């Protein structure tokens, strides 16, 4: 099953050096979600051939402009492009009022249903449980309320072992029962264990999105052993004092977090506009956590 993240934007407060504000696309078995929606997100969607109307869910981490100022424009374009399907937006308190205000003064009445759900800034909660995955929020520590997101596949059913059942002539309609662990009894009364006729399903994969935050341990339990961890790394570690002042993280700290929580792979982003060359941030992170990559726009990371 497809489970992958595409980077649309990776810079911090100022878009510069061809880098854009934070935005990512998550594709989970063709269910498409947008994570943050900074200025320029629409153009990045077009640039990388992603149809905006395929987006079913939008998740906004916080209300600093580089993470959401592209949202109302995207919502309006979906309206102009004839969207009919419901759009679900999850974000902090105040987001709904901002959207409603802008639509009100532009006299825009959407052709589709827009559902805005407010996330909690202080407690973790499951905000979405779809057929394929679930989404859990957790509090981060930034200058304003900020939320991280954990995207986790649902546990799938075991697979039929075709070699094991080949000689048993088990009726095809019985296969779903085997997947659910129900043993099969043949015409002679012999019981064949479902566990012997199936193979275990793959372990559910997970992706954690840690937006703007200072380095604190309170959110670490929510991202333990994730397959892919995106973590902001705004500064090099020689700017630690500035990182603490602005409630951000250094590349070295992001790597230390990835190592501490047992992440399989780390992607760092939210780069300060002071860095034209990103290689030093990557090098710094890899001194602690070798399986680190940069959030390069247009790159897709399979989970």
C-alpha atoms as a PDB file:
ATOM      1  CA  UNK A   1       0.000   0.000   0.000  1.00  0.00           C
ATOM      2  CA  UNK A   2       1.260   3.442  -0.894  1.00  0.00           C
ATOM      3  CA  UNK A   3       2.441   5.513   2.058  1.00  0.00           C
ATOM      4  CA  UNK A   4       4.672   8.436   1.151  1.00  0.00           C
ATOM      5  CA  UNK A   5       5.412  12.099   1.820  1.00  0.00           C
ATOM      6  CA  UNK A   6       6.236  14.730  -0.801  1.00  0.00           C
ATOM      7  CA  UNK A   7       7.908  17.967   0.264  1.00  0.00           C
ATOM      8  CA  UNK A   8       6.316  21.110  -1.200  1.00  0.00           C
ATOM      9  CA  UNK A   9       7.950  23.733   1.018  1.00  0.00           C
ATOM     10  CA  UNK A  10      10.853  23.607   3.455  1.00  0.00           C
ATOM     11  CA  UNK A  11      11.884  27.132   4.466  1.00  0.00           C
ATOM     12  CA  UNK A  12      11.001  28.966   7.650  1.00  0.00           C
ATOM     13  CA  UNK A  13       9.593  32.496   7.969  1.00  0.00           C
ATOM     14  CA  UNK A  14      10.936  33.914   4.689  1.00  0.00           C
ATOM     15  CA  UNK A  15      10.738  32.159   1.303  1.00  0.00           C
ATOM     16  CA  UNK A  16      14.216  32.496  -0.195  1.00  0.00           C
ATOM     17  CA  UNK A  17      16.785  30.718  -2.363  1.00  0.00           C
ATOM     18  CA  UNK A  18      13.984  28.999  -4.278  1.00  0.00           C
ATOM     19  CA  UNK A  19      12.620  27.489  -1.086  1.00  0.00           C
ATOM     20  CA  UNK A  20       9.014  27.952  -0.006  1.00  0.00           C
ATOM     21  CA  UNK A  21       7.003  27.988   3.190  1.00  0.00           C
ATOM     22  CA  UNK A  22       6.151  24.710   4.903  1.00  0.00           C
ATOM     23  CA  UNK A  23       3.805  22.336   3.092  1.00  0.00           C
ATOM     24  CA  UNK A  24       3.816  18.575   2.556  1.00  0.00           C
ATOM     25  CA  UNK A  25       1.614  16.033   0.806  1.00  0.00           C
ATOM     26  CA  UNK A  26       0.934  12.688   2.471  1.00  0.00           C
ATOM     27  CA  UNK A  27      -0.438   9.897   0.293  1.00  0.00           C
ATOM     28  CA  UNK A  28      -1.810   6.919   2.204  1.00  0.00           C
ATOM     29  CA  UNK A  29      -3.308   4.372  -0.179  1.00  0.00           C
ATOM     30  CA  UNK A  30      -4.414   7.206  -2.513  1.00  0.00           C
ATOM     31  CA  UNK A  31      -5.998   9.184   0.324  1.00  0.00           C
ATOM     32  CA  UNK A  32      -4.252  12.538  -0.070  1.00  0.00           C
ATOM     33  CA  UNK A  33      -3.641  14.910   2.839  1.00  0.00           C
ATOM     34  CA  UNK A  34      -1.927  18.291   2.992  1.00  0.00           C
ATOM     35  CA  UNK A  35       0.185  19.074   6.047  1.00  0.00           C
ATOM     36  CA  UNK A  36       0.554  22.825   6.589  1.00  0.00           C
ATOM     37  CA  UNK A  37      -0.167  25.265   3.795  1.00  0.00           C
ATOM     38  CA  UNK A  38       2.258  28.148   3.657  1.00  0.00           C
ATOM     39  CA  UNK A  39       2.296  30.862   1.027  1.00  0.00           C
ATOM     40  CA  UNK A  40       2.927  29.444  -2.444  1.00  0.00           C
ATOM     41  CA  UNK A  41       1.512  25.991  -1.774  1.00  0.00           C
ATOM     42  CA  UNK A  42      -0.833  26.163  -4.770  1.00  0.00           C
ATOM     43  CA  UNK A  43       2.059  26.863  -7.118  1.00  0.00           C
ATOM     44  CA  UNK A  44       4.052  24.003  -5.628  1.00  0.00           C
ATOM     45  CA  UNK A  45       1.129  21.628  -6.116  1.00  0.00           C
ATOM     46  CA  UNK A  46       1.026  22.637  -9.769  1.00  0.00           C
ATOM     47  CA  UNK A  47       4.786  22.408 -10.105  1.00  0.00           C
ATOM     48  CA  UNK A  48       4.868  18.808  -8.929  1.00  0.00           C
ATOM     49  CA  UNK A  49       1.731  17.666 -10.732  1.00  0.00           C
ATOM     50  CA  UNK A  50      -0.487  17.176  -7.684  1.00  0.00           C
ATOM     51  CA  UNK A  51      -4.155  17.942  -8.243  1.00  0.00           C
ATOM     52  CA  UNK A  52      -5.493  20.102  -5.434  1.00  0.00           C
ATOM     53  CA  UNK A  53      -8.964  18.603  -5.638  1.00  0.00           C
ATOM     54  CA  UNK A  54      -7.525  15.210  -4.664  1.00  0.00           C
ATOM     55  CA  UNK A  55      -6.761  16.580  -1.202  1.00  0.00           C
ATOM     56  CA  UNK A  56      -9.258  15.196   1.304  1.00  0.00           C
ATOM     57  CA  UNK A  57      -7.723  16.378   4.579  1.00  0.00           C
ATOM     58  CA  UNK A  58      -5.668  19.425   5.554  1.00  0.00           C
ATOM     59  CA  UNK A  59      -3.722  19.615   8.820  1.00  0.00           C
ATOM     60  CA  UNK A  60      -2.445  22.974  10.105  1.00  0.00           C
ATOM     61  CA  UNK A  61       0.120  22.911  12.908  1.00  0.00           C
ATOM     62  CA  UNK A  62      -0.153  26.530  14.085  1.00  0.00           C
ATOM     63  CA  UNK A  63      -1.087  30.047  13.064  1.00  0.00           C
ATOM     64  CA  UNK A  64       2.253  31.543  12.137  1.00  0.00           C
ATOM     65  CA  UNK A  65       1.875  32.770   8.572  1.00  0.00           C
ATOM     66  CA  UNK A  66       4.526  30.553   7.020  1.00  0.00           C
ATOM     67  CA  UNK A  67       2.385  27.544   7.922  1.00  0.00           C
ATOM     68  CA  UNK A  68      -1.112  28.588   6.858  1.00  0.00           C
ATOM     69  CA  UNK A  69      -1.277  31.774   4.741  1.00  0.00           C
ATOM     70  CA  UNK A  70      -1.784  29.741   1.573  1.00  0.00           C
ATOM     71  CA  UNK A  71      -4.884  28.038   2.946  1.00  0.00           C
ATOM     72  CA  UNK A  72      -7.695  30.442   2.062  1.00  0.00           C
ATOM     73  CA  UNK A  73      -6.343  30.835  -1.455  1.00  0.00           C
ATOM     74  CA  UNK A  74      -6.280  27.064  -1.881  1.00  0.00           C
ATOM     75  CA  UNK A  75      -9.809  26.714  -0.495  1.00  0.00           C
ATOM     76  CA  UNK A  76     -10.999  29.402  -2.923  1.00  0.00           C
ATOM     77  CA  UNK A  77      -9.273  27.779  -5.902  1.00  0.00           C
ATOM     78  CA  UNK A  78     -10.904  24.457  -5.091  1.00  0.00           C
ATOM     79  CA  UNK A  79     -14.234  26.309  -5.205  1.00  0.00           C
ATOM     80  CA  UNK A  80     -13.403  27.925  -8.562  1.00  0.00           C
ATOM     81  CA  UNK A  81     -12.284  24.574  -9.967  1.00  0.00           C
ATOM     82  CA  UNK A  82     -15.640  22.968  -9.212  1.00  0.00           C
ATOM     83  CA  UNK A  83     -14.866  20.892  -6.168  1.00  0.00           C
ATOM     84  CA  UNK A  84     -17.888  18.947  -4.896  1.00  0.00           C
ATOM     85  CA  UNK A  85     -16.411  16.658  -2.236  1.00  0.00           C
ATOM     86  CA  UNK A  86     -16.242  17.681   1.413  1.00  0.00           C
ATOM     87  CA  UNK A  87     -12.931  19.145   2.600  1.00  0.00           C
ATOM     88  CA  UNK A  88     -11.850  18.501   6.185  1.00  0.00           C
ATOM     89  CA  UNK A  89      -9.444  20.943   7.827  1.00  0.00           C
ATOM     90  CA  UNK A  90      -7.865  20.340  11.233  1.00  0.00           C
ATOM     91  CA  UNK A  91      -6.123  23.199  12.981  1.00  0.00           C
ATOM     92  CA  UNK A  92      -5.771  25.391  16.057  1.00  0.00           C
ATOM     93  CA  UNK A  93      -8.334  27.615  17.683  1.00  0.00           C
ATOM     94  CA  UNK A  94      -8.941  30.706  15.567  1.00  0.00           C
ATOM     95  CA  UNK A  95      -8.401  29.039  12.198  1.00  0.00           C
ATOM     96  CA  UNK A  96     -12.110  28.654  11.474  1.00  0.00           C
ATOM     97  CA  UNK A  97     -12.732  32.315  12.296  1.00  0.00           C
ATOM     98  CA  UNK A  98      -9.924  33.394   9.950  1.00  0.00           C
ATOM     99  CA  UNK A  99     -11.310  31.300   7.101  1.00  0.00           C
ATOM    100  CA  UNK A 100     -14.887  32.440   7.695  1.00  0.00           C
ATOM    101  CA  UNK A 101     -13.836  36.099   7.832  1.00  0.00           C
ATOM    102  CA  UNK A 102     -11.951  35.991   4.548  1.00  0.00           C
ATOM    103  CA  UNK A 103     -14.706  34.094   2.761  1.00  0.00           C
ATOM    104  CA  UNK A 104     -17.277  36.518   4.178  1.00  0.00           C
ATOM    105  CA  UNK A 105     -15.554  39.672   2.947  1.00  0.00           C
ATOM    106  CA  UNK A 106     -14.811  38.154  -0.448  1.00  0.00           C
ATOM    107  CA  UNK A 107     -18.498  37.190  -0.645  1.00  0.00           C
ATOM    108  CA  UNK A 108     -17.534  33.610  -1.434  1.00  0.00           C
ATOM    109  CA  UNK A 109     -20.095  30.873  -0.909  1.00  0.00           C
ATOM    110  CA  UNK A 110     -18.297  27.573  -1.392  1.00  0.00           C
ATOM    111  CA  UNK A 111     -19.757  24.949  -3.710  1.00  0.00           C
ATOM    112  CA  UNK A 112     -18.565  22.218  -1.379  1.00  0.00           C
ATOM    113  CA  UNK A 113     -18.815  21.528   2.335  1.00  0.00           C
ATOM    114  CA  UNK A 114     -15.888  22.805   4.389  1.00  0.00           C
ATOM    115  CA  UNK A 115     -15.522  21.141   7.792  1.00  0.00           C
ATOM    116  CA  UNK A 116     -13.062  22.796  10.194  1.00  0.00           C
ATOM    117  CA  UNK A 117     -12.180  20.913  13.372  1.00  0.00           C
ATOM    118  CA  UNK A 118     -10.239  22.586  16.180  1.00  0.00           C
ATOM    119  CA  UNK A 119      -7.275  20.697  17.606  1.00  0.00           C
ATOM    120  CA  UNK A 120      -6.305  20.763  21.263  1.00  0.00           C
ATOM    121  CA  UNK A 121      -3.133  22.735  22.090  1.00  0.00           C
ATOM    122  CA  UNK A 122      -2.542  20.995  25.411  1.00  0.00           C
ATOM    123  CA  UNK A 123      -3.466  17.313  25.110  1.00  0.00           C
ATOM    124  CA  UNK A 124      -2.875  14.514  22.641  1.00  0.00           C
ATOM    125  CA  UNK A 125      -5.945  13.209  20.855  1.00  0.00           C
ATOM    126  CA  UNK A 126      -6.986  11.062  17.923  1.00  0.00           C
ATOM    127  CA  UNK A 127      -8.570  13.516  15.502  1.00  0.00           C
ATOM    128  CA  UNK A 128      -9.127  11.198  12.551  1.00  0.00           C
ATOM    129  CA  UNK A 129      -9.651   7.496  12.043  1.00  0.00           C
ATOM    130  CA  UNK A 130     -10.011   6.671   8.362  1.00  0.00           C
ATOM    131  CA  UNK A 131     -10.211   3.259   6.732  1.00  0.00           C
ATOM    132  CA  UNK A 132      -6.467   3.255   6.086  1.00  0.00           C
ATOM    133  CA  UNK A 133      -4.871   5.382   8.791  1.00  0.00           C
ATOM    134  CA  UNK A 134      -5.355   7.377  11.950  1.00  0.00           C
ATOM    135  CA  UNK A 135      -4.051  10.784  12.956  1.00  0.00           C
ATOM    136  CA  UNK A 136      -2.984  11.679  16.480  1.00  0.00           C
ATOM    137  CA  UNK A 137      -2.087  15.199  17.588  1.00  0.00           C
ATOM    138  CA  UNK A 138       0.391  16.044  20.314  1.00  0.00           C
ATOM    139  CA  UNK A 139       1.435  19.390  21.818  1.00  0.00           C
ATOM    140  CA  UNK A 140       4.702  21.012  20.804  1.00  0.00           C
ATOM    141  CA  UNK A 141       6.357  23.986  22.508  1.00  0.00           C
ATOM    142  CA  UNK A 142       6.494  27.121  20.385  1.00  0.00           C
ATOM    143  CA  UNK A 143       5.790  30.831  20.902  1.00  0.00           C
ATOM    144  CA  UNK A 144       2.122  30.170  20.154  1.00  0.00           C
ATOM    145  CA  UNK A 145       0.061  26.993  20.407  1.00  0.00           C
ATOM    146  CA  UNK A 146       1.524  24.436  18.034  1.00  0.00           C
ATOM    147  CA  UNK A 147       0.590  20.843  17.298  1.00  0.00           C
ATOM    148  CA  UNK A 148       2.529  17.884  15.972  1.00  0.00           C
ATOM    149  CA  UNK A 149       0.869  15.113  13.981  1.00  0.00           C
ATOM    150  CA  UNK A 150       1.398  11.358  14.018  1.00  0.00           C
ATOM    151  CA  UNK A 151       0.051   9.534  10.966  1.00  0.00           C
ATOM    152  CA  UNK A 152      -0.203   5.795  11.510  1.00  0.00           C
ATOM    153  CA  UNK A 153      -1.478   3.039   9.259  1.00  0.00           C
ATOM    154  CA  UNK A 154      -4.293   0.863  10.496  1.00  0.00           C
ATOM    155  CA  UNK A 155      -3.367  -2.740  11.213  1.00  0.00           C
ATOM    156  CA  UNK A 156      -4.164  -4.736   8.093  1.00  0.00           C
ATOM    157  CA  UNK A 157      -5.519  -8.282   8.009  1.00  0.00           C
ATOM    158  CA  UNK A 158      -3.208 -11.232   7.345  1.00  0.00           C
ATOM    159  CA  UNK A 159      -2.673 -12.364   3.764  1.00  0.00           C
ATOM    160  CA  UNK A 160      -3.855 -15.641   2.321  1.00  0.00           C
ATOM    161  CA  UNK A 161      -1.019 -18.140   1.871  1.00  0.00           C
ATOM    162  CA  UNK A 162      -1.891 -19.482  -1.565  1.00  0.00           C
ATOM    163  CA  UNK A 163       0.677 -22.260  -1.389  1.00  0.00           C
ATOM    164  CA  UNK A 164      -0.741 -23.511   1.914  1.00  0.00           C
ATOM    165  CA  UNK A 165      -4.347 -23.635   0.717  1.00  0.00           C
ATOM    166  CA  UNK A 166      -3.670 -24.882  -2.821  1.00  0.00           C
ATOM    167  CA  UNK A 167      -4.464 -28.537  -2.054  1.00  0.00           C
ATOM    168  CA  UNK A 168      -7.336 -27.905   0.356  1.00  0.00           C
ATOM    169  CA  UNK A 169      -9.928 -26.597  -2.119  1.00  0.00           C
ATOM    170  CA  UNK A 170     -11.080 -23.970   0.347  1.00  0.00           C
ATOM    171  CA  UNK A 171     -13.927 -21.940  -1.154  1.00  0.00           C
ATOM    172  CA  UNK A 172     -12.889 -18.407  -2.041  1.00  0.00           C
ATOM    173  CA  UNK A 173     -15.734 -16.851   0.009  1.00  0.00           C
ATOM    174  CA  UNK A 174     -14.088 -18.351   3.110  1.00  0.00           C
ATOM    175  CA  UNK A 175     -10.883 -16.355   2.616  1.00  0.00           C
ATOM    176  CA  UNK A 176     -12.107 -13.292   4.565  1.00  0.00           C
ATOM    177  CA  UNK A 177     -12.871 -15.576   7.527  1.00  0.00           C
ATOM    178  CA  UNK A 178      -9.355 -16.985   7.455  1.00  0.00           C
ATOM    179  CA  UNK A 179      -7.980 -13.441   7.469  1.00  0.00           C
ATOM    180  CA  UNK A 180     -10.007 -12.764  10.600  1.00  0.00           C
ATOM    181  CA  UNK A 181      -8.494 -15.809  12.318  1.00  0.00           C
ATOM    182  CA  UNK A 182     -11.373 -18.268  11.910  1.00  0.00           C
ATOM    183  CA  UNK A 183     -10.138 -21.831  11.375  1.00  0.00           C
ATOM    184  CA  UNK A 184     -11.376 -23.919   8.427  1.00  0.00           C
ATOM    185  CA  UNK A 185     -12.933 -27.366   8.868  1.00  0.00           C
ATOM    186  CA  UNK A 186     -12.870 -29.541   5.746  1.00  0.00           C
ATOM    187  CA  UNK A 187     -15.442 -32.161   4.689  1.00  0.00           C
ATOM    188  CA  UNK A 188     -13.669 -34.863   6.687  1.00  0.00           C
ATOM    189  CA  UNK A 189     -13.862 -32.836   9.874  1.00  0.00           C
ATOM    190  CA  UNK A 190     -10.212 -31.932   9.952  1.00  0.00           C
ATOM    191  CA  UNK A 191      -9.526 -28.478  11.321  1.00  0.00           C
ATOM    192  CA  UNK A 192      -6.987 -26.315   9.517  1.00  0.00           C
ATOM    193  CA  UNK A 193      -5.732 -23.429  11.600  1.00  0.00           C
ATOM    194  CA  UNK A 194      -6.159 -19.995  10.078  1.00  0.00           C
ATOM    195  CA  UNK A 195      -2.685 -19.086  11.309  1.00  0.00           C
ATOM    196  CA  UNK A 196      -1.238 -21.873   9.146  1.00  0.00           C
ATOM    197  CA  UNK A 197      -3.130 -20.718   6.068  1.00  0.00           C
ATOM    198  CA  UNK A 198      -2.217 -17.044   6.235  1.00  0.00           C
ATOM    199  CA  UNK A 199       0.890 -14.914   6.475  1.00  0.00           C
ATOM    200  CA  UNK A 200       1.143 -11.994   8.895  1.00  0.00           C
ATOM    201  CA  UNK A 201       0.237  -8.567   7.604  1.00  0.00           C
ATOM    202  CA  UNK A 202       3.011  -5.988   7.344  1.00  0.00           C
ATOM    203  CA  UNK A 203       3.700  -3.986  10.479  1.00  0.00           C
ATOM    204  CA  UNK A 204       1.780  -0.672  10.301  1.00  0.00           C
ATOM    205  CA  UNK A 205       3.963   2.212   9.179  1.00  0.00           C
ATOM    206  CA  UNK A 206       4.057   5.638  10.804  1.00  0.00           C
ATOM    207  CA  UNK A 207       5.031   9.211  10.012  1.00  0.00           C
ATOM    208  CA  UNK A 208       5.510  11.996  12.548  1.00  0.00           C
ATOM    209  CA  UNK A 209       5.438  15.680  11.633  1.00  0.00           C
ATOM    210  CA  UNK A 210       7.111  17.902  14.224  1.00  0.00           C
ATOM    211  CA  UNK A 211       6.645  21.492  13.233  1.00  0.00           C
ATOM    212  CA  UNK A 212       8.026  24.505  15.089  1.00  0.00           C
ATOM    213  CA  UNK A 213       9.165  23.593  18.594  1.00  0.00           C
ATOM    214  CA  UNK A 214      11.904  24.045  21.111  1.00  0.00           C
ATOM    215  CA  UNK A 215      13.606  20.828  22.166  1.00  0.00           C
ATOM    216  CA  UNK A 216      11.629  19.369  25.069  1.00  0.00           C
ATOM    217  CA  UNK A 217      11.026  15.732  25.945  1.00  0.00           C
ATOM    218  CA  UNK A 218       7.279  15.953  26.564  1.00  0.00           C
ATOM    219  CA  UNK A 219       6.357  15.010  22.977  1.00  0.00           C
ATOM    220  CA  UNK A 220       8.938  12.259  22.548  1.00  0.00           C
ATOM    221  CA  UNK A 221       6.612   9.421  23.650  1.00  0.00           C
ATOM    222  CA  UNK A 222       4.281  10.176  20.728  1.00  0.00           C
ATOM    223  CA  UNK A 223       6.995   9.737  18.115  1.00  0.00           C
ATOM    224  CA  UNK A 224       8.764   6.661  19.457  1.00  0.00           C
ATOM    225  CA  UNK A 225       9.959   4.211  16.799  1.00  0.00           C
ATOM    226  CA  UNK A 226       8.307   6.039  13.890  1.00  0.00           C
ATOM    227  CA  UNK A 227       9.389   4.917  10.455  1.00  0.00           C
ATOM    228  CA  UNK A 228       9.847   8.477   9.232  1.00  0.00           C
ATOM    229  CA  UNK A 229      10.290  11.546  11.412  1.00  0.00           C
ATOM    230  CA  UNK A 230      10.095  15.045   9.993  1.00  0.00           C
ATOM    231  CA  UNK A 231      11.541  17.490  12.481  1.00  0.00           C
ATOM    232  CA  UNK A 232      12.216  21.169  12.151  1.00  0.00           C
ATOM    233  CA  UNK A 233      15.897  22.114  12.202  1.00  0.00           C
ATOM    234  CA  UNK A 234      15.835  25.853  11.740  1.00  0.00           C
ATOM    235  CA  UNK A 235      19.411  26.555  12.839  1.00  0.00           C
ATOM    236  CA  UNK A 236      22.861  25.076  13.119  1.00  0.00           C
ATOM    237  CA  UNK A 237      23.842  24.301  16.692  1.00  0.00           C
ATOM    238  CA  UNK A 238      26.137  27.327  16.934  1.00  0.00           C
ATOM    239  CA  UNK A 239      22.868  29.312  16.912  1.00  0.00           C
ATOM    240  CA  UNK A 240      21.473  27.404  19.903  1.00  0.00           C
ATOM    241  CA  UNK A 241      20.842  30.553  21.923  1.00  0.00           C
ATOM    242  CA  UNK A 242      18.828  32.016  19.054  1.00  0.00           C
ATOM    243  CA  UNK A 243      16.962  28.727  18.648  1.00  0.00           C
ATOM    244  CA  UNK A 244      15.924  28.762  22.294  1.00  0.00           C
ATOM    245  CA  UNK A 245      14.888  32.428  22.112  1.00  0.00           C
ATOM    246  CA  UNK A 246      12.636  31.755  19.118  1.00  0.00           C
ATOM    247  CA  UNK A 247      11.400  28.329  20.290  1.00  0.00           C
ATOM    248  CA  UNK A 248      13.087  26.412  17.506  1.00  0.00           C
ATOM    249  CA  UNK A 249      15.407  23.418  17.191  1.00  0.00           C
ATOM    250  CA  UNK A 250      18.904  22.977  15.775  1.00  0.00           C
ATOM    251  CA  UNK A 251      19.945  20.305  13.294  1.00  0.00           C
ATOM    252  CA  UNK A 252      22.006  18.614  15.986  1.00  0.00           C
ATOM    253  CA  UNK A 253      19.070  18.550  18.393  1.00  0.00           C
ATOM    254  CA  UNK A 254      16.753  17.097  15.739  1.00  0.00           C
ATOM    255  CA  UNK A 255      19.229  14.268  15.240  1.00  0.00           C
ATOM    256  CA  UNK A 256      19.508  13.671  18.976  1.00  0.00           C
ATOM    257  CA  UNK A 257      15.722  13.450  19.184  1.00  0.00           C
ATOM    258  CA  UNK A 258      15.543  10.991  16.283  1.00  0.00           C
ATOM    259  CA  UNK A 259      18.166   8.808  17.941  1.00  0.00           C
ATOM    260  CA  UNK A 260      16.512   8.989  21.358  1.00  0.00           C
ATOM    261  CA  UNK A 261      13.061   7.969  20.095  1.00  0.00           C
ATOM    262  CA  UNK A 262      14.372   5.210  17.829  1.00  0.00           C
ATOM    263  CA  UNK A 263      13.155   6.688  14.556  1.00  0.00           C
ATOM    264  CA  UNK A 264      14.106   4.741  11.452  1.00  0.00           C
ATOM    265  CA  UNK A 265      14.706   7.791   9.253  1.00  0.00           C
ATOM    266  CA  UNK A 266      14.883  11.552   9.860  1.00  0.00           C
ATOM    267  CA  UNK A 267      14.036  14.370   7.469  1.00  0.00           C
ATOM    268  CA  UNK A 268      14.971  17.873   8.607  1.00  0.00           C
ATOM    269  CA  UNK A 269      13.401  21.090   7.351  1.00  0.00           C
ATOM    270  CA  UNK A 270      12.075  24.566   8.192  1.00  0.00           C
ATOM    271  CA  UNK A 271      15.426  26.056   7.280  1.00  0.00           C
ATOM    272  CA  UNK A 272      16.339  29.592   8.280  1.00  0.00           C
ATOM    273  CA  UNK A 273      16.760  32.041   5.409  1.00  0.00           C
ATOM    274  CA  UNK A 274      20.282  32.698   6.718  1.00  0.00           C
ATOM    275  CA  UNK A 275      21.370  29.409   5.100  1.00  0.00           C
ATOM    276  CA  UNK A 276      21.693  29.328   1.330  1.00  0.00           C
ATOM    277  CA  UNK A 277      23.734  26.143   1.496  1.00  0.00           C
ATOM    278  CA  UNK A 278      21.933  23.431   3.462  1.00  0.00           C
ATOM    279  CA  UNK A 279      24.759  20.900   3.448  1.00  0.00           C
ATOM    280  CA  UNK A 280      26.162  22.056   6.823  1.00  0.00           C
ATOM    281  CA  UNK A 281      22.799  21.348   8.483  1.00  0.00           C
ATOM    282  CA  UNK A 282      22.735  17.870   6.975  1.00  0.00           C
ATOM    283  CA  UNK A 283      26.337  17.208   7.972  1.00  0.00           C
ATOM    284  CA  UNK A 284      25.679  18.358  11.534  1.00  0.00           C
ATOM    285  CA  UNK A 285      22.648  16.118  11.883  1.00  0.00           C
ATOM    286  CA  UNK A 286      24.446  13.099  10.459  1.00  0.00           C
ATOM    287  CA  UNK A 287      27.157  13.318  13.104  1.00  0.00           C
ATOM    288  CA  UNK A 288      24.519  11.977  15.504  1.00  0.00           C
ATOM    289  CA  UNK A 289      21.943  10.268  13.275  1.00  0.00           C
ATOM    290  CA  UNK A 290      23.350   8.998   9.995  1.00  0.00           C
ATOM    291  CA  UNK A 291      20.017   8.217   8.337  1.00  0.00           C
ATOM    292  CA  UNK A 292      19.103  11.883   7.931  1.00  0.00           C
ATOM    293  CA  UNK A 293      17.924  13.613   4.755  1.00  0.00           C
ATOM    294  CA  UNK A 294      17.108  17.206   3.871  1.00  0.00           C
ATOM    295  CA  UNK A 295      13.529  18.203   3.122  1.00  0.00           C
ATOM    296  CA  UNK A 296      14.297  19.092  -0.490  1.00  0.00           C
ATOM    297  CA  UNK A 297      11.261  20.417  -2.320  1.00  0.00           C
ATOM    298  CA  UNK A 298       9.901  17.926  -4.826  1.00  0.00           C
ATOM    299  CA  UNK A 299      11.465  14.962  -3.043  1.00  0.00           C
ATOM    300  CA  UNK A 300       9.190  12.062  -2.122  1.00  0.00           C
ATOM    301  CA  UNK A 301      10.007   9.858   0.846  1.00  0.00           C
ATOM    302  CA  UNK A 302       8.486   6.389   0.901  1.00  0.00           C
ATOM    303  CA  UNK A 303       7.596   5.161   4.356  1.00  0.00           C
END
